[in-house]
C-alpha atoms as a PDB file:
ATOM      1  CA  MET A   1      26.406 -21.117  24.015  1.00  0.00           C
ATOM      2  CA  LEU A   2      23.562 -22.958  25.730  1.00  0.00           C
ATOM      3  CA  LEU A   3      21.845 -19.656  26.511  1.00  0.00           C
ATOM      4  CA  ALA A   4      21.839 -18.786  22.802  1.00  0.00           C
ATOM      5  CA  LEU A   5      20.124 -22.028  21.712  1.00  0.00           C
ATOM      6  CA  PRO A   6      16.536 -20.867  22.414  1.00  0.00           C
ATOM      7  CA  LEU A   7      17.190 -17.659  20.466  1.00  0.00           C
ATOM      8  CA  LEU A   8      18.739 -19.605  17.583  1.00  0.00           C
ATOM      9  CA  ALA A   9      15.790 -22.021  17.533  1.00  0.00           C
ATOM     10  CA  ALA A  10      13.336 -19.120  17.476  1.00  0.00           C
ATOM     11  CA  ALA A  11      15.239 -17.461  14.631  1.00  0.00           C
ATOM     12  CA  VAL A  12      15.260 -20.674  12.597  1.00  0.00           C
ATOM     13  CA  ALA A  13      11.537 -21.175  13.220  1.00  0.00           C
ATOM     14  CA  GLY A  14      10.889 -17.548  12.228  1.00  0.00           C
ATOM     15  CA  THR A  15       9.123 -16.695  15.449  1.00  0.00           C
ATOM     16  CA  SER A  16       9.934 -15.035  18.725  1.00  0.00           C
ATOM     17  CA  PRO A  17       7.817 -13.615  21.508  1.00  0.00           C
ATOM     18  CA  ALA A  18       8.396 -10.133  20.111  1.00  0.00           C
ATOM     19  CA  SER A  19       7.280 -11.158  16.597  1.00  0.00           C
ATOM     20  CA  ASP A  20       4.001 -12.569  17.954  1.00  0.00           C
ATOM     21  CA  THR A  21       3.405  -9.321  19.838  1.00  0.00           C
ATOM     22  CA  LEU A  22       4.304  -7.222  16.804  1.00  0.00           C
ATOM     23  CA  ARG A  23       2.018  -9.289  14.569  1.00  0.00           C
ATOM     24  CA  GLU A  24      -0.899  -8.732  16.933  1.00  0.00           C
ATOM     25  CA  GLN A  25      -0.185  -5.003  17.246  1.00  0.00           C
ATOM     26  CA  ILE A  26      -0.075  -4.545  13.465  1.00  0.00           C
ATOM     27  CA  ARG A  27      -3.119  -6.760  12.927  1.00  0.00           C
ATOM     28  CA  ALA A  28      -5.037  -4.663  15.483  1.00  0.00           C
ATOM     29  CA  ALA A  29      -3.919  -1.380  13.860  1.00  0.00           C
ATOM     30  CA  ASP A  30      -4.890  -2.731  10.406  1.00  0.00           C
ATOM     31  CA  THR A  31      -8.309  -3.862  11.643  1.00  0.00           C
ATOM     32  CA  GLN A  32      -8.956  -0.543  13.353  1.00  0.00           C
ATOM     33  CA  LEU A  33      -7.895   1.542  10.339  1.00  0.00           C
ATOM     34  CA  PHE A  34     -10.233  -0.247   7.958  1.00  0.00           C
ATOM     35  CA  ALA A  35     -13.090  -0.382  10.467  1.00  0.00           C
ATOM     36  CA  VAL A  36     -12.856   3.384  10.918  1.00  0.00           C
ATOM     37  CA  ALA A  37     -12.446   4.088   7.189  1.00  0.00           C
ATOM     38  CA  PHE A  38     -15.038   1.649   5.793  1.00  0.00           C
ATOM     39  CA  ASP A  39     -17.450   0.597   8.544  1.00  0.00           C
ATOM     40  CA  ALA A  40     -17.678   3.895  10.422  1.00  0.00           C
ATOM     41  CA  CYS A  41     -16.886   6.069   7.379  1.00  0.00           C
ATOM     42  CA  ASP A  42     -15.040   8.464   9.675  1.00  0.00           C
ATOM     43  CA  ALA A  43     -12.515  10.123   7.378  1.00  0.00           C
ATOM     44  CA  ASP A  44     -11.019  12.299  10.120  1.00  0.00           C
ATOM     45  CA  ARG A  45     -10.359   9.379  12.465  1.00  0.00           C
ATOM     46  CA  ALA A  46      -8.993   7.259   9.606  1.00  0.00           C
ATOM     47  CA  ALA A  47      -6.605  10.045   8.591  1.00  0.00           C
ATOM     48  CA  ALA A  48      -5.436  10.412  12.192  1.00  0.00           C
ATOM     49  CA  MET A  49      -4.236   6.801  11.968  1.00  0.00           C
ATOM     50  CA  THR A  50      -1.763   7.694   9.208  1.00  0.00           C
ATOM     51  CA  THR A  51       1.498   9.608   9.095  1.00  0.00           C
ATOM     52  CA  GLU A  52       1.540  13.174   7.754  1.00  0.00           C
ATOM     53  CA  ASP A  53       3.511  11.975   4.696  1.00  0.00           C
ATOM     54  CA  MET A  54       1.323   8.920   4.121  1.00  0.00           C
ATOM     55  CA  GLU A  55       1.194   7.580   0.570  1.00  0.00           C
ATOM     56  CA  PHE A  56      -1.409   5.245  -0.924  1.00  0.00           C
ATOM     57  CA  PHE A  57      -0.876   3.385  -4.193  1.00  0.00           C
ATOM     58  CA  HIS A  58      -3.639   1.432  -5.960  1.00  0.00           C
ATOM     59  CA  ASP A  59      -3.135  -0.710  -9.036  1.00  0.00           C
ATOM     60  CA  LYS A  60      -6.347   0.564 -10.662  1.00  0.00           C
ATOM     61  CA  ASP A  61      -6.353   4.187  -9.471  1.00  0.00           C
ATOM     62  CA  GLY A  62      -2.625   4.946  -9.264  1.00  0.00           C
ATOM     63  CA  LYS A  63      -1.238   7.073  -6.485  1.00  0.00           C
ATOM     64  CA  SER A  64      -4.402   8.143  -4.719  1.00  0.00           C
ATOM     65  CA  ALA A  65      -2.908   9.795  -1.643  1.00  0.00           C
ATOM     66  CA  ASN A  66       0.265  11.780  -1.163  1.00  0.00           C
ATOM     67  CA  SER A  67      -0.434  12.918   2.399  1.00  0.00           C
ATOM     68  CA  ARG A  68      -2.674  12.409   5.413  1.00  0.00           C
ATOM     69  CA  GLU A  69      -5.034  15.058   4.042  1.00  0.00           C
ATOM     70  CA  ASP A  70      -5.218  13.350   0.616  1.00  0.00           C
ATOM     71  CA  PHE A  71      -6.099  10.103   2.372  1.00  0.00           C
ATOM     72  CA  ARG A  72      -8.785  11.853   4.428  1.00  0.00           C
ATOM     73  CA  ARG A  73     -10.339  13.253   1.253  1.00  0.00           C
ATOM     74  CA  SER A  74     -10.214   9.825  -0.455  1.00  0.00           C
ATOM     75  CA  VAL A  75     -12.019   8.148   2.446  1.00  0.00           C
ATOM     76  CA  ALA A  76     -14.597  10.957   2.575  1.00  0.00           C
ATOM     77  CA  THR A  77     -15.236  10.648  -1.180  1.00  0.00           C
ATOM     78  CA  LEU A  78     -15.547   6.856  -0.990  1.00  0.00           C
ATOM     79  CA  CYS A  79     -18.044   7.125   1.853  1.00  0.00           C
ATOM     80  CA  ASP A  80     -20.029   9.909   0.168  1.00  0.00           C
ATOM     81  CA  ASN A  81     -20.298   7.820  -3.012  1.00  0.00           C
ATOM     82  CA  ALA A  82     -21.410   4.792  -1.000  1.00  0.00           C
ATOM     83  CA  ARG A  83     -24.094   6.767   0.820  1.00  0.00           C
ATOM     84  CA  LYS A  84     -25.397   8.274  -2.418  1.00  0.00           C
ATOM     85  CA  GLY A  85     -25.380   4.867  -4.093  1.00  0.00           C
ATOM     86  CA  GLY A  86     -27.152   3.180  -1.211  1.00  0.00           C
ATOM     87  CA  TRP A  87     -24.403   0.670  -0.494  1.00  0.00           C
ATOM     88  CA  HIS A  88     -21.884   0.010   2.253  1.00  0.00           C
ATOM     89  CA  LEU A  89     -18.350  -1.300   1.790  1.00  0.00           C
ATOM     90  CA  ARG A  90     -16.551  -3.668   4.149  1.00  0.00           C
ATOM     91  CA  ARG A  91     -12.960  -4.840   3.976  1.00  0.00           C
ATOM     92  CA  GLU A  92     -12.022  -8.255   5.324  1.00  0.00           C
ATOM     93  CA  LEU A  93      -8.447  -9.239   6.126  1.00  0.00           C
ATOM     94  CA  VAL A  94      -7.713 -12.800   4.979  1.00  0.00           C
ATOM     95  CA  GLU A  95      -6.191 -13.908   8.266  1.00  0.00           C
ATOM     96  CA  SER A  96      -4.260 -16.878   6.867  1.00  0.00           C
ATOM     97  CA  SER A  97      -2.385 -14.584   4.453  1.00  0.00           C
ATOM     98  CA  LEU A  98      -1.179 -12.068   7.049  1.00  0.00           C
ATOM     99  CA  GLN A  99       2.598 -11.634   7.348  1.00  0.00           C
ATOM    100  CA  VAL A 100       4.342  -9.051   9.517  1.00  0.00           C
ATOM    101  CA  PHE A 101       8.049  -8.253   9.608  1.00  0.00           C
ATOM    102  CA  PRO A 102       9.880  -5.810  11.854  1.00  0.00           C
ATOM    103  CA  LEU A 103      11.751  -2.960  10.176  1.00  0.00           C
ATOM    104  CA  GLN A 104      14.275  -0.643  11.764  1.00  0.00           C
ATOM    105  CA  ASP A 105      13.318   2.794  13.064  1.00  0.00           C
ATOM    106  CA  ASP A 106      10.068   1.695  14.746  1.00  0.00           C
ATOM    107  CA  ARG A 107       8.525   0.425  11.535  1.00  0.00           C
ATOM    108  CA  ALA A 108       6.857  -2.802  10.470  1.00  0.00           C
ATOM    109  CA  LEU A 109       6.002  -4.321   7.107  1.00  0.00           C
ATOM    110  CA  GLU A 110       2.595  -5.969   6.707  1.00  0.00           C
ATOM    111  CA  MET A 111       1.574  -8.071   3.713  1.00  0.00           C
ATOM    112  CA  GLY A 112      -1.491 -10.102   2.943  1.00  0.00           C
ATOM    113  CA  ASP A 113      -4.730 -10.451   1.063  1.00  0.00           C
ATOM    114  CA  HIS A 114      -7.987  -8.662   1.629  1.00  0.00           C
ATOM    115  CA  ARG A 115     -11.525  -9.122   0.400  1.00  0.00           C
ATOM    116  CA  PHE A 116     -14.126  -6.474  -0.242  1.00  0.00           C
ATOM    117  CA  HIS A 117     -17.821  -6.823   0.415  1.00  0.00           C
ATOM    118  CA  GLU A 118     -20.697  -4.535  -0.494  1.00  0.00           C
ATOM    119  CA  ARG A 119     -24.086  -4.414   1.195  1.00  0.00           C
ATOM    120  CA  GLY A 120     -26.792  -2.866  -0.907  1.00  0.00           C
ATOM    121  CA  ALA A 121     -30.081  -1.273   0.010  1.00  0.00           C
ATOM    122  CA  ASP A 122     -31.587  -4.780   0.166  1.00  0.00           C
ATOM    123  CA  GLY A 123     -29.367  -5.475   3.204  1.00  0.00           C
ATOM    124  CA  VAL A 124     -27.630  -8.409   1.542  1.00  0.00           C
ATOM    125  CA  GLU A 125     -23.837  -8.391   1.695  1.00  0.00           C
ATOM    126  CA  ARG A 126     -21.980  -9.676  -1.354  1.00  0.00           C
ATOM    127  CA  TRP A 127     -18.296 -10.498  -1.746  1.00  0.00           C
ATOM    128  CA  THR A 128     -17.295  -8.294  -4.672  1.00  0.00           C
ATOM    129  CA  GLY A 129     -13.532  -8.548  -4.972  1.00  0.00           C
ATOM    130  CA  GLN A 130     -10.149  -9.414  -3.613  1.00  0.00           C
ATOM    131  CA  ALA A 131      -6.654  -7.931  -3.716  1.00  0.00           C
ATOM    132  CA  ARG A 132      -3.237  -8.090  -2.124  1.00  0.00           C
ATOM    133  CA  PHE A 133      -1.696  -5.376  -0.008  1.00  0.00           C
ATOM    134  CA  ILE A 134       1.592  -4.197   1.441  1.00  0.00           C
ATOM    135  CA  GLN A 135       1.637  -1.657   4.253  1.00  0.00           C
ATOM    136  CA  VAL A 136       4.484   0.008   6.087  1.00  0.00           C
ATOM    137  CA  TRP A 137       3.541   1.054   9.604  1.00  0.00           C
ATOM    138  CA  ARG A 138       5.505   3.513  11.740  1.00  0.00           C
ATOM    139  CA  ARG A 139       5.211   3.782  15.503  1.00  0.00           C
ATOM    140  CA  VAL A 140       4.663   7.447  16.385  1.00  0.00           C
ATOM    141  CA  ASN A 141       4.284   8.394  20.048  1.00  0.00           C
ATOM    142  CA  GLY A 142       3.529   4.758  20.870  1.00  0.00           C
ATOM    143  CA  GLN A 143       0.810   4.386  18.193  1.00  0.00           C
ATOM    144  CA  TRP A 144       1.120   2.488  14.915  1.00  0.00           C
ATOM    145  CA  GLN A 145       0.305   4.706  11.927  1.00  0.00           C
ATOM    146  CA  ALA A 146       0.047   3.688   8.275  1.00  0.00           C
ATOM    147  CA  GLU A 147       2.907   5.284   6.361  1.00  0.00           C
ATOM    148  CA  ARG A 148       2.802   3.559   2.960  1.00  0.00           C
ATOM    149  CA  VAL A 149      -0.048   1.490   1.538  1.00  0.00           C
ATOM    150  CA  ILE A 150       0.009  -0.451  -1.705  1.00  0.00           C
ATOM    151  CA  SER A 151      -3.139  -2.291  -2.764  1.00  0.00           C
ATOM    152  CA  TYR A 152      -2.686  -4.370  -5.904  1.00  0.00           C
ATOM    153  CA  ASP A 153      -3.787  -7.425  -7.885  1.00  0.00           C
ATOM    154  CA  HIS A 154      -7.463  -6.427  -7.596  1.00  0.00           C
ATOM    155  CA  HIS A 155      -9.847  -8.899  -9.190  1.00  0.00           C
ATOM    156  CA  PRO A 156     -13.534  -9.768  -8.921  1.00  0.00           C
ATOM    157  CA  ALA A 157     -14.684 -12.276  -6.330  1.00  0.00           C
ATOM    158  CA  ASP A 158     -14.420 -15.915  -7.326  1.00  0.00           C
ATOM    159  CA  LYS A 159     -17.822 -17.345  -7.968  1.00  0.00           C
END
């Protein structure tokens, strides 16, 4: 019974050494995915960070990806439009909102808020909007890959 007390205390507090590790792994995968997709505009590398059956749902655009290849095309289109328009998009994770929960079968659920910034030809970056997101990650061959992404509650930046 005494050996179980630390585990019980951790469960009541909602933390455990594994949950801290999982949170950091998912946070790192999230950061890398958006850095590759938005900052680097590397559609191929971004797609490689998703599962073959990846799905992306957006409250304004609907279901915008039904596979890894659909996601690759979406990122490529976004980046092409940005280049043509002379602007650059950056996504910022709102760190204080991040929640990660383990799921069975080498999966994890990530929820939080994110902000979007645009930098125009003048070089000035502006906060343009914010939304919430839910992502299901699946560990494949030791790497976390985005399996399901839902981005919702998009609204303009608060002034």
